[in-house]
Amino acid sequence: MNYEAGRFWEDDTVIMTKGIIRLKKREYDFPPYRPPSEADSLLLRVTRGCPWNNCTFCSMYKDIKFQRRPILEIKEDIDMAAELYSDYDLTVFIGDSNSILIKTENLVDILEYLHEKLPGISRVTSYARAKTIIKKDVEDLRRLREAGLHRLHVGLETGDEELLKEIKKGASPEEMAEAGEKAKKAGFELSLYIILGIGGNENWQQHAKGTARVLNLIDPHFIRARTFTPRPGSEINDRISQGTFQVATPEVVLKESRLLLEELQVHSHFLSDHISNYIPLDGKLPEDKGMMLQLIDHTLRSLAEDENMRGRLTRKRFLRHL
């Protein structure tokens, strides 16, 4: 099998990222990244790359110039998918990063065409940036929701003002909260991502408390935790090499997770659904907070008693691109 510019070729077939499907030998433009929760979703590329692309922890899209794909080209991809999936129940993820920044009328046109050609779609999701949500009128956001965009995946990463500046996220805690509230007001399901350990060994308490403060203001539908892992090509990885950033130990990350959960006063589904995480937290808040805290405490006790366990968890920081 060969891979070329986001396309998989195998004899006269194309393997698309929705299980394995067979299409005529034509080009289909695949998004290179999607959230783990979209593993079974049909992938539809509306933009290429990231329009911000300054976050110090991220190595994604660094070699991709941001582009808006032509609507006709996107519709051709939808037509290709419809040849196989018009009678299937589907979820769809729109890539690449922050595709909602295109003109509202254009994205509405794409969404309506998508639902027309694939009537079995139950959910359509997309990455979105907080600043873009703020810049969109609520009515424009509602038009996107009514056209069939159901859920937005937004990277909060941290709610601490100092750390947001340090990782060059390009938004303040207040702007993060405003964007979250606006997305919910427009009717979207909101999935917010946080990065455990992004403050390193030194700033875990301010990271946990600041993040909880913003999450409490927003009360998103989903809180998805990722544990920071150094990525070659990212600015923060260079800082690690220079000795100016110390990667948080497993104990620090677990203590940070515990403090965050203690501070949260939300009605969200909390998940650590990624291979980078040390333990698989999964529960509804506030009902399952006690259960998740007990799991963290059990793991901390085990770490103190079992040096081999410490080694296994530490090696997780090298699990990249999963």
Protein backbone atom coordinates (compact mmCIF):
# COMPACT_ATOMS: atom_id res chain seq x y z
CA MET A 1 0.00 0.00 0.00
CA ASN A 2 1.26 3.49 -0.80
CA TYR A 3 0.51 6.78 0.90
CA GLU A 4 0.65 10.06 -0.99
CA ALA A 5 -0.55 13.52 0.06
CA GLY A 6 -3.26 12.23 2.37
CA ARG A 7 -4.52 9.56 -0.02
CA PHE A 8 -4.28 5.80 0.29
CA TRP A 9 -4.00 3.79 -2.92
CA GLU A 10 -4.37 0.02 -3.14
CA ASP A 11 -4.81 -1.31 -6.68
CA ASP A 12 -8.06 0.28 -7.90
CA THR A 13 -9.39 1.15 -4.46
CA VAL A 14 -9.09 3.90 -1.93
CA ILE A 15 -9.18 3.19 1.78
CA MET A 16 -11.03 6.00 3.51
CA THR A 17 -10.87 6.73 7.22
CA LYS A 18 -14.28 5.34 8.05
CA GLY A 19 -13.45 1.74 8.70
CA ILE A 20 -12.40 0.42 5.30
CA ILE A 21 -14.37 1.37 2.23
CA ARG A 22 -13.76 0.98 -1.49
CA LEU A 23 -14.17 3.81 -3.94
CA LYS A 24 -13.33 4.27 -7.57
CA LYS A 25 -9.77 5.37 -8.19
CA ARG A 26 -10.25 9.08 -7.65
CA GLU A 27 -8.64 11.47 -5.22
CA TYR A 28 -10.27 12.00 -1.83
CA ASP A 29 -8.68 14.59 0.45
CA PHE A 30 -8.35 13.24 4.00
CA PRO A 31 -7.88 15.41 7.12
CA PRO A 32 -4.61 14.28 8.74
CA TYR A 33 -5.95 14.61 12.32
CA ARG A 34 -9.19 13.99 14.18
CA PRO A 35 -10.20 13.60 17.86
CA PRO A 36 -10.14 10.04 19.29
CA SER A 37 -13.90 10.31 19.83
CA GLU A 38 -14.28 10.62 16.04
CA ALA A 39 -12.46 7.34 15.29
CA ASP A 40 -15.54 5.88 13.56
CA SER A 41 -16.57 9.07 11.79
CA LEU A 42 -16.45 9.82 8.10
CA LEU A 43 -13.79 12.51 7.60
CA LEU A 44 -14.56 15.53 5.43
CA ARG A 45 -11.85 18.09 4.75
CA VAL A 46 -13.19 21.63 4.43
CA THR A 47 -9.96 23.52 5.15
CA ARG A 48 -6.31 22.51 5.16
CA GLY A 49 -3.96 23.32 8.03
CA CYS A 50 -4.36 25.66 10.99
CA PRO A 51 -4.88 29.44 10.60
CA TRP A 52 -3.26 30.12 14.01
CA ASN A 53 -0.49 27.51 14.20
CA ASN A 54 1.46 29.26 17.01
CA CYS A 55 0.80 27.02 20.04
CA THR A 56 4.12 26.04 21.62
CA PHE A 57 3.02 22.49 22.51
CA CYS A 58 1.74 21.58 19.05
CA SER A 59 3.54 20.09 16.05
CA MET A 60 0.42 19.52 13.95
CA TYR A 61 -0.04 21.26 10.59
CA LYS A 62 3.45 22.82 10.70
CA ASP A 63 4.16 21.79 7.11
CA ILE A 64 0.66 22.63 5.80
CA LYS A 65 -0.22 26.09 4.55
CA PHE A 66 -3.70 27.11 5.65
CA GLN A 67 -6.18 26.96 2.78
CA ARG A 68 -9.92 27.08 2.26
CA ARG A 69 -10.86 24.23 -0.07
CA PRO A 70 -13.10 25.09 -3.05
CA ILE A 71 -16.73 24.25 -2.33
CA LEU A 72 -17.04 22.29 -5.57
CA GLU A 73 -14.08 20.12 -4.55
CA ILE A 74 -15.63 19.46 -1.14
CA LYS A 75 -18.94 18.50 -2.73
CA GLU A 76 -17.13 16.09 -5.03
CA ASP A 77 -15.73 14.36 -1.93
CA ILE A 78 -19.24 14.21 -0.46
CA ASP A 79 -20.50 12.66 -3.71
CA MET A 80 -17.78 10.01 -3.50
CA ALA A 81 -18.71 9.14 0.07
CA ALA A 82 -22.41 9.07 -0.83
CA GLU A 83 -21.76 6.35 -3.42
CA LEU A 84 -21.11 4.00 -0.52
CA TYR A 85 -22.75 5.50 2.55
CA SER A 86 -26.04 7.04 1.44
CA ASP A 87 -27.96 4.27 3.24
CA TYR A 88 -25.74 4.12 6.36
CA ASP A 89 -26.07 5.66 9.81
CA LEU A 90 -23.05 7.94 10.09
CA THR A 91 -21.21 10.49 12.14
CA VAL A 92 -18.96 12.99 10.34
CA PHE A 93 -15.92 14.97 11.44
CA ILE A 94 -14.99 18.14 9.53
CA GLY A 95 -11.28 18.95 9.21
CA ASP A 96 -8.77 20.42 9.34
CA SER A 97 -8.38 22.87 12.20
CA ASN A 98 -11.02 25.58 12.75
CA SER A 99 -13.05 25.15 9.56
CA ILE A 100 -15.88 27.25 11.01
CA LEU A 101 -13.90 30.38 10.12
CA ILE A 102 -14.97 30.14 6.46
CA LYS A 103 -17.93 32.28 5.41
CA THR A 104 -21.07 31.16 7.19
CA GLU A 105 -23.09 30.88 3.97
CA ASN A 106 -20.41 28.64 2.45
CA LEU A 107 -20.29 26.27 5.40
CA VAL A 108 -24.10 26.19 5.55
CA ASP A 109 -24.11 25.24 1.86
CA ILE A 110 -21.62 22.42 2.53
CA LEU A 111 -23.53 21.14 5.57
CA GLU A 112 -26.87 21.14 3.75
CA TYR A 113 -25.35 19.29 0.80
CA LEU A 114 -23.71 16.80 3.17
CA HIS A 115 -27.01 15.98 4.90
CA GLU A 116 -28.86 15.82 1.58
CA LYS A 117 -26.42 13.30 0.11
CA LEU A 118 -25.97 11.32 3.35
CA PRO A 119 -29.37 11.38 5.09
CA GLY A 120 -28.29 8.85 7.73
CA ILE A 121 -25.97 11.33 9.46
CA SER A 122 -26.69 11.62 13.17
CA ARG A 123 -23.85 13.95 14.17
CA VAL A 124 -21.41 16.35 12.50
CA THR A 125 -18.52 17.81 14.49
CA SER A 126 -15.61 20.19 13.88
CA TYR A 127 -12.60 21.69 15.58
CA ALA A 128 -13.09 25.37 16.42
CA ARG A 129 -10.95 28.11 17.90
CA ALA A 130 -12.25 30.29 20.73
CA LYS A 131 -11.36 33.55 18.96
CA THR A 132 -13.26 32.43 15.84
CA ILE A 133 -16.37 31.61 17.87
CA ILE A 134 -16.22 35.06 19.47
CA LYS A 135 -15.94 36.78 16.08
CA LYS A 136 -18.97 34.95 14.67
CA ASP A 137 -22.39 36.47 15.34
CA VAL A 138 -24.64 34.28 17.47
CA GLU A 139 -27.08 34.18 14.56
CA ASP A 140 -24.35 32.89 12.25
CA LEU A 141 -23.47 30.21 14.78
CA ARG A 142 -27.14 29.26 15.05
CA ARG A 143 -27.36 29.00 11.26
CA LEU A 144 -24.49 26.50 11.34
CA ARG A 145 -26.18 24.55 14.08
CA GLU A 146 -29.49 24.51 12.22
CA ALA A 147 -27.71 23.41 9.04
CA GLY A 148 -26.53 20.30 10.87
CA LEU A 149 -23.26 21.04 12.68
CA HIS A 150 -23.84 19.50 16.09
CA ARG A 151 -20.65 19.59 18.17
CA LEU A 152 -17.56 21.81 18.44
CA HIS A 153 -14.21 20.53 19.69
CA VAL A 154 -12.32 23.45 21.28
CA GLY A 155 -8.84 23.45 22.79
CA LEU A 156 -8.93 25.26 26.12
CA GLU A 157 -5.66 23.59 27.23
CA THR A 158 -5.49 25.70 30.42
CA GLY A 159 -7.55 28.39 32.07
CA ASP A 160 -4.58 30.09 33.71
CA GLU A 161 -3.81 33.48 32.16
CA GLU A 162 -0.04 33.23 32.56
CA LEU A 163 0.12 29.75 31.04
CA LEU A 164 -2.18 30.67 28.14
CA LYS A 165 0.28 33.42 27.23
CA GLU A 166 3.25 31.11 27.71
CA ILE A 167 1.89 28.45 25.36
CA LYS A 168 0.83 31.15 22.86
CA LYS A 169 -2.77 30.03 22.72
CA GLY A 170 -3.87 33.45 21.52
CA ALA A 171 -6.85 33.84 23.86
CA SER A 172 -7.36 34.96 27.45
CA PRO A 173 -9.33 33.07 30.13
CA GLU A 174 -12.14 35.58 29.68
CA GLU A 175 -12.22 35.00 25.92
CA MET A 176 -12.21 31.23 26.43
CA ALA A 177 -15.21 31.56 28.74
CA GLU A 178 -17.00 33.93 26.35
CA ALA A 179 -16.50 31.55 23.43
CA GLY A 180 -17.78 28.57 25.39
CA GLU A 181 -20.86 30.38 26.60
CA LYS A 182 -21.57 31.66 23.08
CA ALA A 183 -21.24 28.21 21.52
CA LYS A 184 -23.69 26.76 24.04
CA LYS A 185 -26.08 29.66 23.50
CA ALA A 186 -26.07 28.87 19.77
CA GLY A 187 -27.11 25.28 20.58
CA PHE A 188 -23.85 23.38 20.05
CA GLU A 189 -22.62 20.48 22.09
CA LEU A 190 -19.28 21.67 23.42
CA SER A 191 -16.25 19.44 23.92
CA LEU A 192 -13.35 21.24 25.63
CA TYR A 193 -9.80 19.87 25.74
CA ILE A 194 -7.35 20.43 28.57
CA ILE A 195 -3.67 19.44 28.71
CA LEU A 196 -2.55 17.95 32.01
CA GLY A 197 1.05 18.83 32.79
CA ILE A 198 1.20 21.86 30.47
CA GLY A 199 2.51 23.92 33.39
CA GLY A 200 5.37 21.50 33.97
CA ASN A 201 6.53 20.49 37.43
CA GLU A 202 6.34 24.02 38.81
CA ASN A 203 2.94 25.44 37.91
CA TRP A 204 0.54 22.53 38.34
CA GLN A 205 -1.55 24.15 41.06
CA GLN A 206 -2.19 27.40 39.18
CA HIS A 207 -2.94 25.37 36.05
CA ALA A 208 -5.48 23.17 37.84
CA LYS A 209 -7.22 26.04 39.66
CA GLY A 210 -7.27 28.39 36.67
CA THR A 211 -8.59 25.67 34.38
CA ALA A 212 -11.32 24.70 36.83
CA ARG A 213 -12.34 28.35 37.16
CA VAL A 214 -12.91 28.72 33.39
CA LEU A 215 -14.59 25.32 33.07
CA ASN A 216 -16.97 26.25 35.90
CA LEU A 217 -17.96 29.39 33.99
CA ILE A 218 -18.64 27.46 30.79
CA ASP A 219 -20.00 24.15 32.14
CA PRO A 220 -19.30 22.33 28.83
CA HIS A 221 -20.93 19.08 27.79
CA PHE A 222 -17.56 17.29 27.65
CA ILE A 223 -14.19 17.87 29.31
CA ARG A 224 -11.50 15.79 27.60
CA ALA A 225 -8.10 15.54 29.28
CA ARG A 226 -4.82 14.96 27.47
CA THR A 227 -1.45 14.59 29.19
CA PHE A 228 1.34 16.71 27.75
CA THR A 229 3.85 14.71 25.71
CA PRO A 230 6.89 16.35 24.10
CA ARG A 231 6.50 16.49 20.33
CA PRO A 232 9.44 17.01 17.96
CA GLY A 233 8.93 20.15 15.94
CA SER A 234 7.14 22.00 18.74
CA GLU A 235 8.56 25.06 20.48
CA ILE A 236 8.11 23.59 23.94
CA ASN A 237 10.13 20.54 22.95
CA ASP A 238 13.03 22.88 22.20
CA ARG A 239 12.63 24.37 25.69
CA ILE A 240 12.88 20.89 27.19
CA SER A 241 16.13 20.31 25.31
CA GLN A 242 17.44 23.65 26.56
CA GLY A 243 16.49 22.82 30.15
CA THR A 244 14.01 25.69 30.53
CA PHE A 245 10.94 23.45 30.82
CA GLN A 246 10.71 20.42 33.10
CA VAL A 247 8.16 17.80 32.08
CA ALA A 248 5.75 17.06 34.92
CA THR A 249 6.25 13.72 36.65
CA PRO A 250 3.40 11.20 36.81
CA GLU A 251 2.85 12.14 40.48
CA VAL A 252 2.50 15.82 39.61
CA VAL A 253 0.08 15.11 36.76
CA LEU A 254 -2.06 12.92 39.03
CA LYS A 255 -2.07 15.52 41.83
CA GLU A 256 -2.99 18.16 39.26
CA SER A 257 -5.85 15.98 38.00
CA ARG A 258 -7.07 15.51 41.55
CA LEU A 259 -7.02 19.22 42.34
CA LEU A 260 -8.79 20.01 39.08
CA LEU A 261 -11.59 17.53 39.83
CA GLU A 262 -11.93 18.84 43.37
CA GLU A 263 -12.35 22.40 42.08
CA LEU A 264 -14.83 21.56 39.32
CA GLN A 265 -18.48 22.52 39.83
CA VAL A 266 -19.94 21.47 36.50
CA HIS A 267 -22.42 19.05 34.97
CA SER A 268 -19.99 17.73 32.36
CA HIS A 269 -18.84 14.34 31.16
CA PHE A 270 -15.16 14.14 32.15
CA LEU A 271 -12.94 11.82 30.10
CA SER A 272 -9.25 11.08 29.85
CA ASP A 273 -9.80 9.17 26.60
CA HIS A 274 -6.31 9.25 25.10
CA ILE A 275 -3.29 6.96 25.27
CA SER A 276 -1.21 9.80 26.72
CA ASN A 277 -3.22 9.72 29.96
CA TYR A 278 -1.96 7.77 32.96
CA ILE A 279 -5.35 6.48 34.09
CA PRO A 280 -8.69 6.13 32.23
CA LEU A 281 -10.94 8.60 34.05
CA ASP A 282 -14.48 8.53 32.71
CA GLY A 283 -17.44 9.86 34.63
CA LYS A 284 -20.31 12.31 34.84
CA LEU A 285 -19.87 15.26 37.14
CA PRO A 286 -20.75 15.76 39.88
CA GLU A 287 -22.11 12.21 40.38
CA ASP A 288 -18.90 10.33 39.65
CA LYS A 289 -16.39 12.75 41.17
CA GLY A 290 -15.80 10.57 44.24
CA MET A 291 -15.16 7.48 42.13
CA MET A 292 -12.61 9.30 39.96
CA LEU A 293 -10.84 10.80 42.98
CA GLN A 294 -10.56 7.34 44.53
CA LEU A 295 -8.98 6.01 41.34
CA ILE A 296 -6.41 8.82 41.37
CA ASP A 297 -5.62 8.19 45.06
CA HIS A 298 -5.21 4.47 44.43
CA THR A 299 -2.79 5.17 41.57
CA LEU A 300 -0.77 7.63 43.66
CA ARG A 301 -0.41 5.02 46.42
CA SER A 302 0.67 2.41 43.89
CA LEU A 303 3.26 4.80 42.44
CA ALA A 304 4.77 5.33 45.87
CA GLU A 305 5.12 1.56 46.39
CA ASP A 306 6.01 0.28 42.90
CA GLU A 307 9.04 1.68 41.07
CA ASN A 308 8.23 -0.43 37.98
CA MET A 309 4.85 1.28 37.71
CA ARG A 310 6.59 4.66 37.75
CA GLY A 311 8.72 3.56 34.80
CA ARG A 312 5.71 2.34 32.84
CA LEU A 313 3.84 5.60 33.32
CA THR A 314 6.89 7.75 32.57
CA ARG A 315 7.37 5.97 29.24
CA LYS A 316 3.90 7.09 28.17
CA ARG A 317 5.29 10.56 27.41
CA PHE A 318 7.00 9.05 24.38
CA LEU A 319 3.74 7.74 22.88
CA ARG A 320 3.24 10.34 20.16
CA HIS A 321 0.86 10.72 17.21
CA LEU A 322 -1.74 8.31 18.68
